[in-house]
Amino acid sequence: MAEAVAGRGTGLDRARVLAWLREYGVYASVLALLLFNVIFTPNFLDTGNFRTQLVQVAPIVIVALGMALVIGTEGIDLSVGSVMALAASMVVLYLGYGTVPAVLAALAAGAVVGAAGGALVAYVGVQPIVATLALLVGVRGLANVLVPQLKEIGDPGLLTLGSGSVAGVPYVVLVAAALTAVMAFVVRRTTFGRRIVAIGGNRTASELSGLPVRRLLLAVYVISGTLAAGAGVLATARLQAGDPTSLGLFMELSAITAVVIGGTPLSGGRIRVLGTVMGALLMQLLGATLIKHDLPQSWAQIVQAAIILAAVYAAGNRGAR
């Protein structure tokens, strides 16, 4: 009897630890990493360093917000990195018509790619990983056909978007913060957000209850594609060049990592917007910390893999119960 009680207590303790890690693990990790850097990393508290970290993480946050919506429906979007490259190509091609037309063309291209992926998933019945994997390859190829090599950009409007600031806060960071606020409101306060979560929780029940599941899935992938294109525009503006060959490479992995360690399960049915942002920030700080301490980037990748496995393990144990 005592052994049974002890075993039950151990199980409850383990469950509490896993629950705490799911809810607050990413926040605690960011805090611990910040404290480590404050103590051991020279010049970490410099304003310029914080500005650099935020500017670098902003495109990842924007892409991850769209990815969180997709994963919330129990889907995946592997095309986001290629969409960023396509956005860079569209900016280069249409910049002669002005900054605004070029940006709108890039966003429209991202929406079209998202619509293609959403249509394959929602109406044709192709698995999300297969549909978006095909787009990952095809869209990257299209971007390279449109603009075969790196093109420098001298448009003042676009350059201002990439390097300008308000009260010392870069435009790219302000855009990422605004989109985060909008996404948090959509997920928590709108019917659309609640329906997306419902689809991820149980698609069959959502269909039987009369929800327009196919249209909602299409909308989610369109949003993901548009946000990825927006991130591509901002990255192009910051780099002052359109480079479809390398822009957005492995961005899909960075976005998925941010979403998963931020607490959104791959099984869908839940979307954590703030957790996603903190997940992206954690990965950015981790990479920067290792670089500042003269450790190779490969170590960051190894640690990143371990963090992903831990996050998936915690989520899996929740589902098992």
Foldseek 3Di string as FASTA:
>chain_A
DVVVVVVVVVVVVVLVVLVCQLACVLVVLLVVLVVCCVPPFPPCPPPVNVLVLLLVLLLLLLLLLLQLLQLQLLAAAPQLLLLLLLLLLQLVVCCVVPNVVSLVSSLVSLLVLLLQLLCCVQPVPDGRVVSNVVNNVVSLVVSCVSPVFKFFADHPVLLCQQAPDDPSHHNSSVVSVVVLVVSVCCLPPHPLNQLSLVSLVPVVVSVVVPHPVSVSSSVSSSSSSSSSSVSSSNVCSNVRMNGSNPGSVCSSVLSVLLFLSLNQASSHNDGDSVSSSSSSSSLSSLQVVCVSVVHDSVVSVVVSVVSNVSSNVSVVVVVVD
